[in-house]
C-alpha atoms as a PDB file:
ATOM      1  CA  UNK A   1     -22.720  -9.033 -12.251  1.00  0.00           C
ATOM      2  CA  UNK A   2     -19.037  -8.390 -10.716  1.00  0.00           C
ATOM      3  CA  UNK A   3     -18.581 -11.115  -8.210  1.00  0.00           C
ATOM      4  CA  UNK A   4     -15.069 -10.637  -7.854  1.00  0.00           C
ATOM      5  CA  UNK A   5     -13.546 -11.198  -4.239  1.00  0.00           C
ATOM      6  CA  UNK A   6     -10.361  -9.134  -2.916  1.00  0.00           C
ATOM      7  CA  UNK A   7      -7.836 -11.379  -1.458  1.00  0.00           C
ATOM      8  CA  UNK A   8      -4.082 -10.062  -0.763  1.00  0.00           C
ATOM      9  CA  UNK A   9      -1.122 -12.262  -2.938  1.00  0.00           C
ATOM     10  CA  UNK A  10      -0.431 -13.878   0.752  1.00  0.00           C
ATOM     11  CA  UNK A  11      -3.766 -15.435   0.897  1.00  0.00           C
ATOM     12  CA  UNK A  12      -3.689 -16.102  -3.307  1.00  0.00           C
ATOM     13  CA  UNK A  13      -0.174 -18.019  -2.663  1.00  0.00           C
ATOM     14  CA  UNK A  14      -1.663 -19.508   0.481  1.00  0.00           C
ATOM     15  CA  UNK A  15      -4.767 -21.376  -1.400  1.00  0.00           C
ATOM     16  CA  UNK A  16      -2.744 -22.139  -4.247  1.00  0.00           C
ATOM     17  CA  UNK A  17      -0.195 -24.564  -1.942  1.00  0.00           C
ATOM     18  CA  UNK A  18      -3.226 -26.058  -0.032  1.00  0.00           C
ATOM     19  CA  UNK A  19      -4.560 -26.946  -3.610  1.00  0.00           C
ATOM     20  CA  UNK A  20      -1.291 -27.968  -4.643  1.00  0.00           C
ATOM     21  CA  UNK A  21      -0.879 -30.378  -1.446  1.00  0.00           C
ATOM     22  CA  UNK A  22      -4.373 -32.227  -2.007  1.00  0.00           C
ATOM     23  CA  UNK A  23      -3.805 -32.712  -5.746  1.00  0.00           C
ATOM     24  CA  UNK A  24      -0.137 -34.374  -5.252  1.00  0.00           C
ATOM     25  CA  UNK A  25       0.135 -35.937  -2.229  1.00  0.00           C
ATOM     26  CA  UNK A  26      -3.542 -35.899  -0.331  1.00  0.00           C
ATOM     27  CA  UNK A  27      -5.743 -36.997  -3.094  1.00  0.00           C
ATOM     28  CA  UNK A  28      -3.195 -40.102  -4.142  1.00  0.00           C
ATOM     29  CA  UNK A  29      -2.907 -40.902  -0.624  1.00  0.00           C
ATOM     30  CA  UNK A  30      -6.768 -41.174  -0.497  1.00  0.00           C
ATOM     31  CA  UNK A  31      -7.007 -42.980  -3.910  1.00  0.00           C
ATOM     32  CA  UNK A  32      -4.319 -45.605  -2.688  1.00  0.00           C
ATOM     33  CA  UNK A  33      -6.261 -46.626   0.617  1.00  0.00           C
ATOM     34  CA  UNK A  34      -9.276 -46.919  -1.435  1.00  0.00           C
ATOM     35  CA  UNK A  35      -7.828 -49.269  -3.736  1.00  0.00           C
ATOM     36  CA  UNK A  36      -6.343 -51.091  -0.682  1.00  0.00           C
ATOM     37  CA  UNK A  37      -9.488 -51.503   1.141  1.00  0.00           C
ATOM     38  CA  UNK A  38     -11.309 -52.992  -1.923  1.00  0.00           C
ATOM     39  CA  UNK A  39      -8.826 -55.713  -2.010  1.00  0.00           C
ATOM     40  CA  UNK A  40     -10.021 -56.556   1.524  1.00  0.00           C
ATOM     41  CA  UNK A  41     -13.309 -58.234   0.343  1.00  0.00           C
ATOM     42  CA  UNK A  42     -16.893 -57.269   1.206  1.00  0.00           C
ATOM     43  CA  UNK A  43     -17.142 -53.845   0.959  1.00  0.00           C
ATOM     44  CA  UNK A  44     -20.285 -52.960   2.797  1.00  0.00           C
ATOM     45  CA  UNK A  45     -18.939 -53.724   6.239  1.00  0.00           C
ATOM     46  CA  UNK A  46     -15.420 -53.096   5.310  1.00  0.00           C
ATOM     47  CA  UNK A  47     -14.959 -49.456   7.765  1.00  0.00           C
ATOM     48  CA  UNK A  48     -11.493 -48.117   5.922  1.00  0.00           C
ATOM     49  CA  UNK A  49     -12.946 -48.672   2.487  1.00  0.00           C
ATOM     50  CA  UNK A  50     -16.103 -45.998   3.828  1.00  0.00           C
ATOM     51  CA  UNK A  51     -13.366 -44.081   5.637  1.00  0.00           C
ATOM     52  CA  UNK A  52     -11.384 -43.663   2.682  1.00  0.00           C
ATOM     53  CA  UNK A  53     -14.407 -42.914   0.654  1.00  0.00           C
ATOM     54  CA  UNK A  54     -15.521 -39.856   3.088  1.00  0.00           C
ATOM     55  CA  UNK A  55     -11.937 -38.491   2.975  1.00  0.00           C
ATOM     56  CA  UNK A  56     -12.009 -38.808  -0.618  1.00  0.00           C
ATOM     57  CA  UNK A  57     -15.482 -36.699  -0.378  1.00  0.00           C
ATOM     58  CA  UNK A  58     -14.311 -33.849   1.892  1.00  0.00           C
ATOM     59  CA  UNK A  59     -10.596 -33.835  -0.471  1.00  0.00           C
ATOM     60  CA  UNK A  60     -12.423 -33.144  -3.981  1.00  0.00           C
ATOM     61  CA  UNK A  61     -14.555 -30.959  -1.808  1.00  0.00           C
ATOM     62  CA  UNK A  62     -12.136 -28.797  -0.611  1.00  0.00           C
ATOM     63  CA  UNK A  63     -10.434 -29.124  -4.056  1.00  0.00           C
ATOM     64  CA  UNK A  64     -13.852 -27.353  -5.908  1.00  0.00           C
ATOM     65  CA  UNK A  65     -13.879 -24.774  -3.400  1.00  0.00           C
ATOM     66  CA  UNK A  66     -10.348 -23.213  -3.795  1.00  0.00           C
ATOM     67  CA  UNK A  67     -10.697 -23.226  -7.122  1.00  0.00           C
ATOM     68  CA  UNK A  68     -13.595 -22.127  -7.073  1.00  0.00           C
ATOM     69  CA  UNK A  69     -12.004 -19.095  -4.678  1.00  0.00           C
ATOM     70  CA  UNK A  70      -8.917 -18.532  -6.439  1.00  0.00           C
ATOM     71  CA  UNK A  71     -11.151 -18.199 -10.007  1.00  0.00           C
ATOM     72  CA  UNK A  72     -12.951 -15.498  -8.337  1.00  0.00           C
ATOM     73  CA  UNK A  73     -10.214 -13.445  -6.674  1.00  0.00           C
ATOM     74  CA  UNK A  74      -9.325 -10.523  -7.123  1.00  0.00           C
ATOM     75  CA  UNK A  75      -5.853 -10.371  -6.147  1.00  0.00           C
ATOM     76  CA  UNK A  76      -4.414  -7.102  -4.747  1.00  0.00           C
ATOM     77  CA  UNK A  77      -0.763  -7.451  -4.132  1.00  0.00           C
ATOM     78  CA  UNK A  78      -0.211  -3.584  -1.718  1.00  0.00           C
ATOM     79  CA  UNK A  79       3.876  -4.248  -1.616  1.00  0.00           C
ATOM     80  CA  UNK A  80       3.471  -3.453  -5.496  1.00  0.00           C
ATOM     81  CA  UNK A  81       1.688  -0.068  -4.127  1.00  0.00           C
ATOM     82  CA  UNK A  82       2.721   3.577  -3.431  1.00  0.00           C
ATOM     83  CA  UNK A  83       1.995   4.188   0.464  1.00  0.00           C
ATOM     84  CA  UNK A  84       0.594   7.706   0.433  1.00  0.00           C
ATOM     85  CA  UNK A  85      -0.257   6.842   4.386  1.00  0.00           C
ATOM     86  CA  UNK A  86      -4.027   5.948   3.194  1.00  0.00           C
ATOM     87  CA  UNK A  87      -5.895   3.151   4.362  1.00  0.00           C
ATOM     88  CA  UNK A  88      -6.451   0.271   2.303  1.00  0.00           C
ATOM     89  CA  UNK A  89      -6.968  -3.313   1.534  1.00  0.00           C
ATOM     90  CA  UNK A  90      -4.200  -5.593   2.266  1.00  0.00           C
ATOM     91  CA  UNK A  91      -2.481  -2.401   4.598  1.00  0.00           C
ATOM     92  CA  UNK A  92      -1.313  -3.259   7.615  1.00  0.00           C
ATOM     93  CA  UNK A  93      -2.410  -0.755  10.247  1.00  0.00           C
ATOM     94  CA  UNK A  94      -1.021   0.378  13.018  1.00  0.00           C
ATOM     95  CA  UNK A  95      -3.437   1.864  16.063  1.00  0.00           C
ATOM     96  CA  UNK A  96      -3.576   3.453  19.111  1.00  0.00           C
ATOM     97  CA  UNK A  97      -6.622   3.301  21.305  1.00  0.00           C
ATOM     98  CA  UNK A  98      -6.994   6.742  22.674  1.00  0.00           C
ATOM     99  CA  UNK A  99      -8.634   5.888  25.935  1.00  0.00           C
ATOM    100  CA  UNK A 100      -6.076   3.078  27.087  1.00  0.00           C
ATOM    101  CA  UNK A 101      -3.189   4.163  25.055  1.00  0.00           C
ATOM    102  CA  UNK A 102      -2.612   0.435  23.880  1.00  0.00           C
ATOM    103  CA  UNK A 103      -1.047  -0.295  20.436  1.00  0.00           C
ATOM    104  CA  UNK A 104      -2.837  -2.888  17.774  1.00  0.00           C
ATOM    105  CA  UNK A 105      -1.355  -3.617  14.857  1.00  0.00           C
ATOM    106  CA  UNK A 106      -3.941  -5.604  11.911  1.00  0.00           C
ATOM    107  CA  UNK A 107      -3.688  -6.641   8.537  1.00  0.00           C
ATOM    108  CA  UNK A 108      -6.887  -5.936   6.559  1.00  0.00           C
ATOM    109  CA  UNK A 109      -7.377  -8.831   4.550  1.00  0.00           C
ATOM    110  CA  UNK A 110     -10.198 -10.779   2.777  1.00  0.00           C
ATOM    111  CA  UNK A 111     -13.263 -12.609   3.844  1.00  0.00           C
ATOM    112  CA  UNK A 112     -11.126 -16.165   3.778  1.00  0.00           C
ATOM    113  CA  UNK A 113      -7.530 -14.950   5.073  1.00  0.00           C
ATOM    114  CA  UNK A 114      -9.346 -13.236   8.177  1.00  0.00           C
ATOM    115  CA  UNK A 115      -7.564 -14.887  11.550  1.00  0.00           C
ATOM    116  CA  UNK A 116      -7.476 -12.627  14.408  1.00  0.00           C
ATOM    117  CA  UNK A 117      -4.853 -14.261  15.586  1.00  0.00           C
ATOM    118  CA  UNK A 118      -2.201 -13.353  13.218  1.00  0.00           C
ATOM    119  CA  UNK A 119      -3.557  -9.864  13.762  1.00  0.00           C
ATOM    120  CA  UNK A 120      -5.745 -10.259  10.012  1.00  0.00           C
ATOM    121  CA  UNK A 121      -8.915  -8.613   9.962  1.00  0.00           C
ATOM    122  CA  UNK A 122     -11.607  -9.075   7.030  1.00  0.00           C
ATOM    123  CA  UNK A 123     -12.240  -5.769   4.985  1.00  0.00           C
ATOM    124  CA  UNK A 124     -15.696  -6.476   5.807  1.00  0.00           C
ATOM    125  CA  UNK A 125     -15.359  -6.116   9.950  1.00  0.00           C
ATOM    126  CA  UNK A 126     -16.358  -2.533  11.879  1.00  0.00           C
ATOM    127  CA  UNK A 127     -12.668  -1.954  11.979  1.00  0.00           C
ATOM    128  CA  UNK A 128     -11.931  -2.149   8.807  1.00  0.00           C
ATOM    129  CA  UNK A 129     -14.928  -0.274   7.281  1.00  0.00           C
ATOM    130  CA  UNK A 130     -14.324   2.514  10.411  1.00  0.00           C
ATOM    131  CA  UNK A 131     -10.116   2.508   8.690  1.00  0.00           C
ATOM    132  CA  UNK A 132     -10.274   2.251   5.190  1.00  0.00           C
ATOM    133  CA  UNK A 133      -9.693   5.723   3.307  1.00  0.00           C
ATOM    134  CA  UNK A 134      -8.857   6.964   6.354  1.00  0.00           C
ATOM    135  CA  UNK A 135      -4.963   8.321   6.593  1.00  0.00           C
ATOM    136  CA  UNK A 136      -2.227   7.988   9.221  1.00  0.00           C
ATOM    137  CA  UNK A 137      -2.965  10.713  11.944  1.00  0.00           C
ATOM    138  CA  UNK A 138      -6.802  10.483  11.624  1.00  0.00           C
ATOM    139  CA  UNK A 139      -8.431   9.503  14.785  1.00  0.00           C
ATOM    140  CA  UNK A 140     -11.435   6.765  13.805  1.00  0.00           C
ATOM    141  CA  UNK A 141     -15.031   5.312  15.939  1.00  0.00           C
ATOM    142  CA  UNK A 142     -15.084   1.711  15.753  1.00  0.00           C
ATOM    143  CA  UNK A 143     -18.486   0.440  16.622  1.00  0.00           C
ATOM    144  CA  UNK A 144     -17.765  -2.533  17.981  1.00  0.00           C
ATOM    145  CA  UNK A 145     -20.287  -4.940  19.858  1.00  0.00           C
ATOM    146  CA  UNK A 146     -18.859  -3.742  23.110  1.00  0.00           C
ATOM    147  CA  UNK A 147     -19.838   0.060  22.236  1.00  0.00           C
ATOM    148  CA  UNK A 148     -17.601   2.929  20.336  1.00  0.00           C
ATOM    149  CA  UNK A 149     -13.670   2.622  20.444  1.00  0.00           C
ATOM    150  CA  UNK A 150     -11.835   5.092  19.543  1.00  0.00           C
ATOM    151  CA  UNK A 151      -8.246   4.673  17.966  1.00  0.00           C
ATOM    152  CA  UNK A 152      -5.320   6.794  16.424  1.00  0.00           C
ATOM    153  CA  UNK A 153      -3.974   5.676  13.006  1.00  0.00           C
ATOM    154  CA  UNK A 154      -0.300   5.771  13.796  1.00  0.00           C
ATOM    155  CA  UNK A 155       1.115   4.210  10.553  1.00  0.00           C
ATOM    156  CA  UNK A 156       0.201   2.507   7.601  1.00  0.00           C
ATOM    157  CA  UNK A 157       2.645  -0.075   6.258  1.00  0.00           C
ATOM    158  CA  UNK A 158       1.797  -1.376   2.463  1.00  0.00           C
ATOM    159  CA  UNK A 159       4.122  -4.795   3.146  1.00  0.00           C
END
């Protein structure tokens, strides 16, 4: 069974940076906070100790989560591919709404990287599913929650 999850190189780099921060900065800080709280005596009624232990649990959980995501990631770097105008995972696509002439740009990324504020959409989103495999100049119909929207693919970039 292949359970590889697609991820852009930028997404993988971001996760690795977070992992490094958690292991080299956050984890040692919380360990020091636990040690300091232990010195205060009775642990049953020591709020600092319980808060530090809870924080430690969150940090360790996040470390395991990131390590799992990285180990299952299929890292795709589109900057190393020849741009033939085809929409693929990792591509940045400039679209023109055919009805409103409004322009919008999206990068197609993995589930964990999606962030609409940064115009990064998940590969499994309705827009990305409609775009994958299409070429510059093609018109696509996106079945969005608010109804169907027609776009023209103005440009495809592998950046």
